[in-house]
N, C-alpha and C. Protein backbone atom coordinates (compact mmCIF):
# COMPACT_ATOMS: atom_id res chain seq x y z
N MET A 1 11.90 -6.27 -14.24
CA MET A 1 12.26 -5.67 -13.09
C MET A 1 12.52 -7.06 -12.16
N THR A 2 13.55 -7.06 -11.48
CA THR A 2 13.67 -8.09 -10.62
C THR A 2 14.12 -7.75 -9.12
N LEU A 3 13.92 -8.40 -8.25
CA LEU A 3 14.34 -8.26 -6.88
C LEU A 3 15.35 -9.06 -6.28
N ASP A 4 15.76 -10.08 -7.09
CA ASP A 4 16.46 -11.14 -6.89
C ASP A 4 16.87 -11.44 -5.34
N GLY A 5 15.84 -11.91 -4.66
CA GLY A 5 15.78 -12.66 -3.33
C GLY A 5 15.73 -11.53 -2.20
N GLN A 6 15.76 -10.15 -2.73
CA GLN A 6 15.38 -9.27 -1.66
C GLN A 6 14.34 -9.47 -0.61
N HIS A 7 14.30 -9.28 0.47
CA HIS A 7 13.36 -9.46 1.36
C HIS A 7 12.34 -8.23 1.43
N VAL A 8 10.99 -8.44 1.13
CA VAL A 8 9.94 -7.48 1.03
C VAL A 8 8.97 -7.61 1.98
N LEU A 9 8.74 -6.92 3.18
CA LEU A 9 7.76 -7.25 4.11
C LEU A 9 6.70 -6.16 3.66
N ILE A 10 5.54 -6.80 3.55
CA ILE A 10 4.30 -6.03 3.15
C ILE A 10 2.99 -6.09 4.18
N VAL A 11 3.05 -5.18 5.01
CA VAL A 11 1.90 -5.14 6.07
C VAL A 11 0.65 -4.77 5.52
N GLY A 12 -0.12 -5.45 5.68
CA GLY A 12 -1.54 -5.64 4.78
C GLY A 12 -1.50 -6.39 3.43
N GLY A 13 -0.82 -7.40 3.57
CA GLY A 13 -0.60 -8.02 2.31
C GLY A 13 -1.58 -9.05 2.09
N THR A 14 -2.77 -9.01 2.58
CA THR A 14 -3.69 -10.35 2.39
C THR A 14 -5.05 -9.78 1.45
N ARG A 15 -5.07 -8.43 1.30
CA ARG A 15 -6.09 -8.07 0.40
C ARG A 15 -5.68 -6.88 -0.48
N GLY A 16 -6.73 -6.49 -1.40
CA GLY A 16 -6.63 -5.34 -2.35
C GLY A 16 -5.21 -5.33 -2.70
N ILE A 17 -4.66 -3.89 -2.58
CA ILE A 17 -3.55 -3.45 -3.14
C ILE A 17 -2.32 -4.19 -2.55
N GLY A 18 -2.26 -4.62 -1.24
CA GLY A 18 -1.36 -5.34 -0.60
C GLY A 18 -1.14 -6.65 -1.25
N ARG A 19 -2.12 -7.42 -1.54
CA ARG A 19 -2.26 -8.67 -1.97
C ARG A 19 -1.61 -8.61 -3.34
N ALA A 20 -2.01 -7.41 -4.17
CA ALA A 20 -1.41 -7.47 -5.80
C ALA A 20 -0.06 -7.17 -5.58
N THR A 21 0.53 -6.35 -4.62
CA THR A 21 1.89 -6.15 -4.48
C THR A 21 2.60 -7.58 -4.04
N VAL A 22 2.03 -8.29 -3.16
CA VAL A 22 2.53 -9.71 -2.92
C VAL A 22 2.88 -10.42 -4.14
N ALA A 23 2.00 -10.46 -5.18
CA ALA A 23 2.04 -11.23 -6.36
C ALA A 23 2.99 -10.39 -7.16
N ALA A 24 2.94 -9.22 -7.02
CA ALA A 24 4.03 -8.60 -8.12
C ALA A 24 5.50 -8.55 -7.66
N ALA A 25 5.44 -8.69 -6.22
CA ALA A 25 6.90 -8.83 -5.56
C ALA A 25 7.47 -10.30 -5.94
N ARG A 26 6.41 -11.42 -5.88
CA ARG A 26 7.04 -12.75 -5.99
C ARG A 26 7.30 -12.87 -7.42
N ALA A 27 6.52 -12.09 -8.50
CA ALA A 27 6.83 -12.42 -9.85
C ALA A 27 8.13 -11.77 -10.06
N ALA A 28 8.67 -10.80 -9.21
CA ALA A 28 10.14 -10.00 -9.45
C ALA A 28 11.10 -10.86 -8.60
N ASP A 29 10.98 -11.96 -8.18
CA ASP A 29 11.80 -12.93 -7.43
C ASP A 29 12.12 -12.29 -6.12
N ALA A 30 11.31 -11.66 -5.29
CA ALA A 30 11.38 -11.06 -4.10
C ALA A 30 11.12 -12.20 -2.97
N ARG A 31 11.70 -12.21 -2.05
CA ARG A 31 11.62 -13.16 -0.70
C ARG A 31 10.35 -12.24 -0.06
N VAL A 32 9.16 -12.79 -0.02
CA VAL A 32 8.25 -12.09 0.54
C VAL A 32 7.54 -12.48 1.89
N THR A 33 7.34 -11.63 2.80
CA THR A 33 6.75 -11.69 4.18
C THR A 33 5.56 -10.71 4.03
N ALA A 34 4.30 -11.48 4.23
CA ALA A 34 2.89 -10.39 4.25
C ALA A 34 2.31 -10.76 5.47
N THR A 35 1.92 -9.52 5.92
CA THR A 35 1.12 -9.55 7.37
C THR A 35 -0.39 -9.49 6.99
N GLY A 36 -1.09 -10.15 8.10
CA GLY A 36 -2.72 -10.06 7.88
C GLY A 36 -3.20 -10.20 9.32
N ARG A 37 -4.47 -9.62 9.50
CA ARG A 37 -5.16 -9.94 10.86
C ARG A 37 -5.53 -11.18 11.30
N SER A 38 -5.90 -12.13 10.23
CA SER A 38 -6.40 -13.38 10.64
C SER A 38 -5.80 -14.56 10.12
N ALA A 39 -5.91 -15.49 10.85
CA ALA A 39 -5.27 -16.77 10.22
C ALA A 39 -5.83 -17.21 8.66
N ALA A 40 -7.28 -16.90 8.47
CA ALA A 40 -7.89 -17.22 7.47
C ALA A 40 -7.19 -16.33 6.10
N SER A 41 -7.04 -15.05 6.44
CA SER A 41 -6.69 -14.55 5.40
C SER A 41 -5.03 -14.68 5.16
N LEU A 42 -4.33 -15.07 6.11
CA LEU A 42 -3.02 -15.59 5.75
C LEU A 42 -2.85 -16.82 4.90
N ALA A 43 -4.16 -17.82 5.28
CA ALA A 43 -3.91 -18.98 4.51
C ALA A 43 -4.12 -18.82 2.92
N ARG A 44 -4.83 -17.83 2.48
CA ARG A 44 -5.08 -17.56 1.18
C ARG A 44 -3.77 -16.81 0.53
N LEU A 45 -2.64 -16.75 1.06
CA LEU A 45 -1.49 -16.18 0.56
C LEU A 45 -0.81 -17.09 -0.42
N PRO A 46 -0.31 -16.69 -1.59
CA PRO A 46 0.35 -17.65 -2.52
C PRO A 46 1.46 -18.37 -1.81
N ASP A 47 1.67 -19.64 -2.45
CA ASP A 47 2.75 -20.42 -2.17
C ASP A 47 4.06 -19.53 -2.28
N GLY A 48 4.86 -19.77 -1.49
CA GLY A 48 6.22 -19.18 -1.17
C GLY A 48 5.99 -17.98 -0.58
N VAL A 49 5.24 -17.30 0.08
CA VAL A 49 4.92 -16.13 0.83
C VAL A 49 4.88 -16.62 2.31
N ALA A 50 5.84 -16.09 3.20
CA ALA A 50 5.58 -16.31 4.62
C ALA A 50 4.54 -14.99 5.10
N GLY A 51 3.55 -15.90 5.80
CA GLY A 51 2.52 -15.12 6.56
C GLY A 51 2.84 -14.81 7.80
N ARG A 52 2.34 -13.64 8.32
CA ARG A 52 2.60 -13.40 9.78
C ARG A 52 1.40 -12.54 10.25
N MET A 53 0.82 -13.13 11.25
CA MET A 53 -0.35 -12.42 11.94
C MET A 53 0.24 -11.11 12.67
N LEU A 54 -0.61 -10.02 12.23
CA LEU A 54 -0.24 -8.67 12.85
C LEU A 54 -1.29 -7.71 13.03
N ASP A 55 -1.73 -7.07 14.14
CA ASP A 55 -2.26 -5.95 14.25
C ASP A 55 -1.45 -4.82 14.22
N TYR A 56 -1.59 -4.22 13.11
CA TYR A 56 -0.59 -3.19 12.86
C TYR A 56 -1.11 -1.68 13.77
N THR A 57 -2.24 -2.04 14.29
CA THR A 57 -2.63 -0.50 15.33
C THR A 57 -2.01 -0.69 16.65
N ASP A 58 -1.53 -1.94 16.84
CA ASP A 58 -1.03 -2.19 18.30
C ASP A 58 0.60 -2.17 18.29
N PRO A 59 1.13 -1.02 18.64
CA PRO A 59 2.69 -0.95 18.80
C PRO A 59 3.76 -2.01 19.28
N ALA A 60 2.83 -2.63 20.38
CA ALA A 60 3.63 -3.71 20.90
C ALA A 60 3.80 -4.91 19.90
N ALA A 61 2.68 -5.20 19.28
CA ALA A 61 2.76 -6.25 18.25
C ALA A 61 3.60 -5.94 17.10
N VAL A 62 3.84 -4.63 16.66
CA VAL A 62 4.59 -4.22 15.59
C VAL A 62 6.08 -4.56 16.06
N ALA A 63 6.30 -4.01 17.22
CA ALA A 63 7.74 -4.16 17.78
C ALA A 63 7.89 -5.51 17.86
N ALA A 64 7.19 -6.32 18.23
CA ALA A 64 7.40 -7.98 18.42
C ALA A 64 7.67 -8.48 17.04
N LEU A 65 6.91 -8.16 16.17
CA LEU A 65 7.13 -8.62 14.87
C LEU A 65 8.57 -8.28 14.19
N ALA A 66 8.63 -6.95 14.25
CA ALA A 66 10.10 -6.42 13.87
C ALA A 66 11.32 -7.25 14.61
N GLU A 67 11.06 -7.68 15.58
CA GLU A 67 12.40 -8.29 16.77
C GLU A 67 12.46 -9.85 15.94
N THR A 68 11.37 -10.28 15.16
CA THR A 68 11.65 -11.73 14.92
C THR A 68 11.97 -11.81 13.28
N LEU A 69 12.05 -10.80 12.68
CA LEU A 69 12.18 -10.83 11.08
C LEU A 69 13.76 -10.51 11.11
N ASP A 70 14.35 -11.47 10.16
CA ASP A 70 15.70 -11.40 9.65
C ASP A 70 15.85 -10.15 8.47
N GLY A 71 16.58 -9.43 8.43
CA GLY A 71 16.96 -8.42 7.52
C GLY A 71 15.63 -8.30 6.41
N VAL A 72 15.23 -6.98 6.34
CA VAL A 72 14.15 -6.68 5.47
C VAL A 72 14.81 -5.63 4.64
N ASP A 73 14.57 -5.75 3.32
CA ASP A 73 15.09 -4.79 2.49
C ASP A 73 14.25 -3.86 1.92
N HIS A 74 12.82 -4.08 2.02
CA HIS A 74 11.90 -3.06 1.48
C HIS A 74 10.77 -3.37 2.55
N LEU A 75 10.07 -2.12 3.17
CA LEU A 75 8.90 -2.23 3.75
C LEU A 75 7.69 -1.79 3.16
N VAL A 76 6.53 -2.16 2.72
CA VAL A 76 5.44 -1.74 2.14
C VAL A 76 4.54 -1.59 3.08
N LEU A 77 3.88 -0.46 3.42
CA LEU A 77 2.72 -0.40 4.44
C LEU A 77 1.74 0.04 3.39
N SER A 78 0.59 -1.13 3.23
CA SER A 78 -0.54 -0.98 2.56
C SER A 78 -1.84 -1.13 3.42
N ALA A 79 -1.57 -1.41 4.55
CA ALA A 79 -2.74 -1.69 5.39
C ALA A 79 -3.19 -0.25 5.76
N SER A 80 -4.63 0.09 5.96
CA SER A 80 -5.15 1.14 6.30
C SER A 80 -6.73 1.09 6.62
N ASP A 81 -7.11 1.82 7.69
CA ASP A 81 -8.37 1.81 8.30
C ASP A 81 -9.02 2.84 7.89
N ALA A 82 -8.28 4.07 7.48
CA ALA A 82 -8.91 5.54 7.60
C ALA A 82 -8.69 6.18 6.36
N VAL A 83 -9.71 7.00 5.96
CA VAL A 83 -9.51 7.99 4.84
C VAL A 83 -9.71 9.25 5.53
N ALA A 84 -8.69 10.07 5.19
CA ALA A 84 -8.78 11.69 5.58
C ALA A 84 -9.75 12.16 4.90
N TRP A 85 -10.90 13.01 5.43
CA TRP A 85 -12.15 13.59 4.59
C TRP A 85 -12.49 14.61 5.70
N GLY A 86 -12.58 16.00 5.26
CA GLY A 86 -12.97 16.97 6.19
C GLY A 86 -12.26 17.75 6.26
N PRO A 87 -12.42 18.75 7.16
CA PRO A 87 -11.66 19.97 7.61
C PRO A 87 -10.61 19.46 8.73
N PHE A 88 -9.32 20.03 8.45
CA PHE A 88 -8.14 19.44 9.27
C PHE A 88 -8.48 19.37 10.66
N ALA A 89 -9.17 20.37 11.21
CA ALA A 89 -9.33 20.58 12.71
C ALA A 89 -10.24 19.61 13.00
N ASP A 90 -11.14 18.80 12.22
CA ASP A 90 -11.98 17.81 12.72
C ASP A 90 -11.40 16.34 12.57
N LEU A 91 -10.32 16.33 12.11
CA LEU A 91 -9.55 15.06 11.72
C LEU A 91 -8.98 14.43 13.07
N GLY A 92 -9.31 13.26 13.34
CA GLY A 92 -8.46 12.54 14.35
C GLY A 92 -7.41 12.12 14.07
N GLU A 93 -6.45 11.38 14.98
CA GLU A 93 -5.20 10.72 14.93
C GLU A 93 -5.26 9.75 13.64
N PRO A 94 -6.28 8.80 13.78
CA PRO A 94 -6.25 7.92 12.34
C PRO A 94 -6.24 8.33 11.01
N ALA A 95 -6.92 9.59 11.06
CA ALA A 95 -7.08 10.26 9.58
C ALA A 95 -5.70 11.11 9.46
N LEU A 96 -5.14 11.40 10.60
CA LEU A 96 -3.87 12.36 10.14
C LEU A 96 -2.74 11.46 9.73
N ARG A 97 -2.94 10.01 9.41
CA ARG A 97 -1.78 9.38 8.98
C ARG A 97 -1.69 9.66 7.29
N ALA A 98 -2.65 10.68 6.91
CA ALA A 98 -2.45 11.04 5.44
C ALA A 98 -1.28 11.81 5.46
N ALA A 99 -0.86 12.19 6.57
CA ALA A 99 0.65 13.14 6.62
C ALA A 99 1.84 12.23 6.41
N LEU A 100 1.71 11.03 5.96
CA LEU A 100 2.99 10.27 5.61
C LEU A 100 3.58 10.59 4.45
N GLU A 101 2.92 11.47 3.42
CA GLU A 101 3.79 11.97 2.32
C GLU A 101 4.65 12.90 3.14
N ALA A 102 4.42 13.68 3.85
CA ALA A 102 5.17 14.96 4.30
C ALA A 102 6.33 14.04 5.08
N MET A 103 5.83 13.09 5.91
CA MET A 103 6.78 12.51 6.75
C MET A 103 7.91 11.65 5.92
N ALA A 104 7.23 11.19 4.99
CA ALA A 104 8.24 10.39 4.19
C ALA A 104 9.27 11.13 3.55
N ARG A 105 9.21 12.51 3.42
CA ARG A 105 10.27 13.26 2.56
C ARG A 105 11.28 13.63 3.82
N VAL A 106 10.88 13.90 5.12
CA VAL A 106 11.72 13.96 6.05
C VAL A 106 12.51 12.96 6.33
N LEU A 107 11.76 11.67 6.27
CA LEU A 107 12.82 10.49 6.41
C LEU A 107 13.51 10.02 5.47
N ALA A 108 13.20 10.52 3.98
CA ALA A 108 14.29 10.12 2.94
C ALA A 108 15.34 10.88 3.24
N VAL A 109 15.52 11.83 3.88
CA VAL A 109 16.55 12.83 4.48
C VAL A 109 17.32 12.12 5.56
N GLU A 110 16.75 12.00 6.48
CA GLU A 110 17.05 11.47 7.90
C GLU A 110 17.90 10.08 7.87
N LEU A 111 17.07 9.47 6.79
CA LEU A 111 17.42 7.69 6.76
C LEU A 111 18.62 7.79 5.55
N ALA A 112 18.84 8.57 5.10
CA ALA A 112 19.60 8.42 3.98
C ALA A 112 21.01 7.67 4.28
N PRO A 113 21.41 6.65 3.28
CA PRO A 113 21.14 6.54 2.04
C PRO A 113 20.02 5.42 1.94
N ARG A 114 19.46 5.08 2.81
CA ARG A 114 18.26 4.27 2.65
C ARG A 114 16.91 5.03 2.08
N ARG A 115 16.15 4.73 1.12
CA ARG A 115 15.19 5.42 0.38
C ARG A 115 13.83 5.15 1.08
N VAL A 116 12.91 6.33 1.03
CA VAL A 116 11.64 6.32 1.53
C VAL A 116 10.89 7.02 0.38
N ASN A 117 9.82 6.48 0.09
CA ASN A 117 8.95 6.81 -0.95
C ASN A 117 7.60 6.56 -0.74
N THR A 118 6.40 7.20 -1.19
CA THR A 118 5.17 6.84 -0.89
C THR A 118 4.37 6.79 -2.31
N VAL A 119 3.29 6.14 -2.34
CA VAL A 119 2.63 5.89 -3.55
C VAL A 119 1.16 6.33 -2.98
N SER A 120 0.63 7.22 -3.76
CA SER A 120 -0.58 7.69 -3.53
C SER A 120 -1.90 7.36 -4.35
N PRO A 121 -2.63 6.08 -4.12
CA PRO A 121 -3.38 5.80 -4.98
C PRO A 121 -4.68 6.57 -5.09
N GLY A 122 -5.19 6.58 -6.30
CA GLY A 122 -6.69 7.11 -6.37
C GLY A 122 -7.74 5.99 -6.08
N LEU A 123 -8.92 6.46 -6.49
CA LEU A 123 -9.94 5.31 -5.93
C LEU A 123 -9.68 4.09 -6.89
N THR A 124 -9.70 2.98 -6.03
CA THR A 124 -9.03 1.90 -6.58
C THR A 124 -10.20 0.70 -6.14
N ALA A 125 -10.58 -0.28 -7.12
CA ALA A 125 -11.73 -1.05 -6.85
C ALA A 125 -11.18 -2.15 -5.99
N THR A 126 -11.19 -2.12 -4.98
CA THR A 126 -10.64 -3.04 -3.88
C THR A 126 -11.99 -3.72 -3.06
N GLU A 127 -11.67 -4.69 -2.17
CA GLU A 127 -12.66 -4.97 -1.15
C GLU A 127 -13.02 -3.90 -0.13
N ALA A 128 -12.36 -3.01 -0.23
CA ALA A 128 -12.68 -1.89 1.01
C ALA A 128 -13.97 -1.27 0.65
N TYR A 129 -14.44 -1.54 -0.68
CA TYR A 129 -16.01 -1.06 -1.08
C TYR A 129 -17.01 -2.13 -0.94
N ALA A 130 -16.62 -2.99 -0.47
CA ALA A 130 -17.70 -4.43 -0.42
C ALA A 130 -18.82 -3.90 0.28
N GLY A 131 -18.72 -3.20 1.38
CA GLY A 131 -19.89 -2.82 2.01
C GLY A 131 -20.94 -2.06 1.45
N LEU A 132 -20.61 -1.51 0.36
CA LEU A 132 -21.50 -0.68 -0.40
C LEU A 132 -22.34 -1.67 -1.37
N PRO A 133 -23.87 -1.40 -1.39
CA PRO A 133 -24.42 -2.23 -2.37
C PRO A 133 -23.92 -2.19 -3.79
N ASP A 134 -24.16 -3.28 -4.44
CA ASP A 134 -23.36 -3.24 -5.75
C ASP A 134 -23.83 -2.20 -6.51
N ALA A 135 -24.96 -1.92 -6.75
CA ALA A 135 -25.60 -0.78 -7.69
C ALA A 135 -24.40 0.45 -7.10
N ALA A 136 -24.73 0.86 -5.95
CA ALA A 136 -24.20 2.09 -5.34
C ALA A 136 -22.75 2.11 -5.83
N ARG A 137 -22.00 0.87 -5.30
CA ARG A 137 -20.52 0.82 -5.82
C ARG A 137 -20.31 1.13 -7.42
N ALA A 138 -21.02 0.28 -8.14
CA ALA A 138 -20.75 0.44 -9.42
C ALA A 138 -21.13 2.09 -9.89
N ALA A 139 -22.18 2.60 -9.39
CA ALA A 139 -22.24 4.08 -9.90
C ALA A 139 -21.02 5.06 -9.43
N MET A 140 -20.74 4.64 -8.25
CA MET A 140 -19.45 5.62 -7.79
C MET A 140 -18.26 5.42 -8.47
N PHE A 141 -17.92 4.23 -8.95
CA PHE A 141 -16.99 4.04 -9.70
C PHE A 141 -16.86 4.64 -11.16
N ALA A 142 -18.01 4.32 -11.86
CA ALA A 142 -18.55 4.84 -13.07
C ALA A 142 -18.47 6.57 -13.15
N ALA A 143 -19.16 7.14 -12.08
CA ALA A 143 -19.05 8.44 -11.87
C ALA A 143 -17.54 9.09 -11.60
N THR A 144 -16.69 8.23 -11.06
CA THR A 144 -15.30 8.65 -10.86
C THR A 144 -14.53 8.67 -12.15
N ALA A 145 -14.81 7.33 -12.91
CA ALA A 145 -14.16 7.15 -13.89
C ALA A 145 -14.24 8.21 -15.39
N ALA A 146 -15.77 8.52 -14.94
CA ALA A 146 -15.99 9.88 -16.04
C ALA A 146 -15.25 11.03 -16.07
N ARG A 147 -14.85 11.09 -14.53
CA ARG A 147 -14.09 12.39 -14.51
C ARG A 147 -12.59 12.23 -14.66
N LEU A 148 -12.18 10.94 -14.65
CA LEU A 148 -10.58 10.84 -14.72
C LEU A 148 -10.13 10.82 -16.14
N PRO A 149 -8.97 11.35 -16.37
CA PRO A 149 -8.23 11.51 -17.84
C PRO A 149 -8.10 9.98 -18.23
N ALA A 150 -7.98 9.03 -17.33
CA ALA A 150 -7.48 7.54 -17.76
C ALA A 150 -8.85 7.02 -17.97
N GLY A 151 -10.18 7.65 -17.48
CA GLY A 151 -11.20 6.92 -18.21
C GLY A 151 -11.68 5.73 -17.07
N ARG A 152 -11.16 5.31 -16.09
CA ARG A 152 -11.25 4.01 -15.35
C ARG A 152 -10.92 4.54 -14.05
N VAL A 153 -11.29 3.75 -12.89
CA VAL A 153 -10.85 3.70 -11.58
C VAL A 153 -9.60 2.69 -11.49
N GLY A 154 -8.91 2.63 -10.67
CA GLY A 154 -7.52 1.89 -10.72
C GLY A 154 -7.87 0.56 -10.09
N ALA A 155 -7.06 -0.48 -10.60
CA ALA A 155 -7.18 -1.91 -10.16
C ALA A 155 -5.93 -1.89 -9.25
N PRO A 156 -5.84 -3.02 -8.40
CA PRO A 156 -4.93 -3.03 -7.34
C PRO A 156 -3.51 -3.39 -8.10
N ASP A 157 -3.47 -4.08 -9.20
CA ASP A 157 -2.28 -4.19 -9.98
C ASP A 157 -1.53 -3.04 -10.45
N ASP A 158 -2.53 -1.83 -10.64
CA ASP A 158 -1.97 -0.63 -11.14
C ASP A 158 -1.17 -0.17 -9.91
N ILE A 159 -1.54 -0.08 -8.80
CA ILE A 159 -0.86 0.44 -7.68
C ILE A 159 0.31 -0.42 -7.20
N ALA A 160 -0.06 -1.82 -7.46
CA ALA A 160 1.36 -2.73 -7.11
C ALA A 160 2.59 -2.46 -8.13
N GLN A 161 2.07 -2.20 -9.47
CA GLN A 161 3.24 -1.93 -10.14
C GLN A 161 3.98 -0.76 -9.84
N ALA A 162 3.24 0.50 -9.22
CA ALA A 162 3.92 1.73 -9.10
C ALA A 162 4.91 1.49 -7.81
N ILE A 163 4.25 0.66 -6.54
CA ILE A 163 5.08 0.22 -5.59
C ILE A 163 6.40 -0.39 -6.09
N LEU A 164 6.20 -1.50 -6.95
CA LEU A 164 7.49 -2.07 -7.34
C LEU A 164 8.42 -1.09 -8.11
N LEU A 165 8.11 -0.14 -8.62
CA LEU A 165 8.84 0.90 -9.24
C LEU A 165 9.58 1.47 -8.15
N ALA A 166 8.94 2.24 -7.04
CA ALA A 166 9.39 2.79 -5.89
C ALA A 166 10.45 2.04 -5.25
N ILE A 167 10.39 0.58 -5.06
CA ILE A 167 11.09 -0.28 -4.40
C ILE A 167 12.28 -0.53 -5.27
N ALA A 168 12.16 -0.90 -6.61
CA ALA A 168 13.41 -1.25 -7.40
C ALA A 168 14.16 -0.05 -8.23
N ASN A 169 13.69 1.17 -8.10
CA ASN A 169 14.56 2.34 -8.85
C ASN A 169 15.48 2.73 -7.64
N PRO A 170 16.94 2.56 -7.83
CA PRO A 170 17.77 2.93 -6.63
C PRO A 170 18.02 4.63 -6.42
N PHE A 171 17.46 5.22 -7.58
CA PHE A 171 17.56 6.61 -7.82
C PHE A 171 16.25 7.58 -7.13
N LEU A 172 15.37 6.73 -6.89
CA LEU A 172 14.15 7.54 -6.34
C LEU A 172 13.77 7.34 -5.01
N THR A 173 13.81 8.59 -4.39
CA THR A 173 13.77 8.74 -2.82
C THR A 173 12.85 10.18 -2.56
N GLY A 174 12.20 10.19 -1.54
CA GLY A 174 11.61 11.39 -1.12
C GLY A 174 10.43 11.55 -2.13
N ALA A 175 9.99 10.63 -2.98
CA ALA A 175 8.99 10.98 -3.89
C ALA A 175 7.59 10.40 -3.62
N THR A 176 6.63 11.02 -4.12
CA THR A 176 5.14 10.60 -3.85
C THR A 176 4.61 10.32 -5.46
N LEU A 177 4.69 8.96 -5.61
CA LEU A 177 3.83 8.42 -7.08
C LEU A 177 2.39 8.61 -6.94
N ASP A 178 1.84 9.63 -7.81
CA ASP A 178 0.52 9.89 -7.58
C ASP A 178 -0.06 8.82 -8.73
N VAL A 179 -0.76 7.57 -8.31
CA VAL A 179 -1.31 6.66 -9.29
C VAL A 179 -2.92 6.71 -8.97
N ASP A 180 -3.43 7.75 -9.69
CA ASP A 180 -4.64 8.17 -9.61
C ASP A 180 -5.67 8.25 -10.74
N GLY A 181 -4.97 7.99 -11.87
CA GLY A 181 -5.60 8.12 -13.02
C GLY A 181 -5.85 9.46 -13.57
N GLY A 182 -4.91 10.20 -13.08
CA GLY A 182 -4.96 11.60 -13.30
C GLY A 182 -6.06 12.51 -12.49
N ALA A 183 -6.52 12.27 -11.43
CA ALA A 183 -7.36 12.91 -10.40
C ALA A 183 -6.88 14.02 -10.15
N HIS A 184 -5.40 14.23 -9.80
CA HIS A 184 -4.79 15.26 -9.52
C HIS A 184 -4.86 16.41 -10.49
N LEU A 185 -5.09 15.95 -11.67
CA LEU A 185 -4.99 17.18 -12.87
C LEU A 185 -6.54 17.60 -12.99
N ALA A 186 -7.69 16.57 -12.69
CA ALA A 186 -8.79 17.00 -13.20
C ALA A 186 -9.76 17.72 -12.07
N ARG A 187 -9.14 18.17 -11.10
CA ARG A 187 -9.92 19.02 -9.98
C ARG A 187 -10.46 20.30 -10.60
């Protein structure tokens, strides 16, 4: 799969799934811009990747970044602060960002012929779980893996491969790719 110099902007490209997507896009010959929240995280980006500081929760900062970028062929939003858990009535605005899948289907129609897809990852072993004690994190991953048809939790590269599929396939739009080791089957 090649992206032949197409410009891929990866919001949240300095850690976990975003960082794996940066590497996969570079390997596919894309021109990559990745955002991060700190100079230290941007300094760890691979050679050939343009790093841009961005607090994606600040609409003014997002608008300012958009004004400075030259043509973007593909936008990947991998940054996240929240996971939606609990009753719908109890969820605040950040958790409702899980509504992105429904919004993506609407946008795929409204923005056509531009394409809009979502990738829905299952439990993925990333830095997001670094706050847990090692034993608790390992136990959580093992218990989840035991319930999954794939027999393991995801790795950032697993999700990055699906993101590249969604980017590269010109006939894929309005779709959600469940990359969850079969969790949607095991319920």
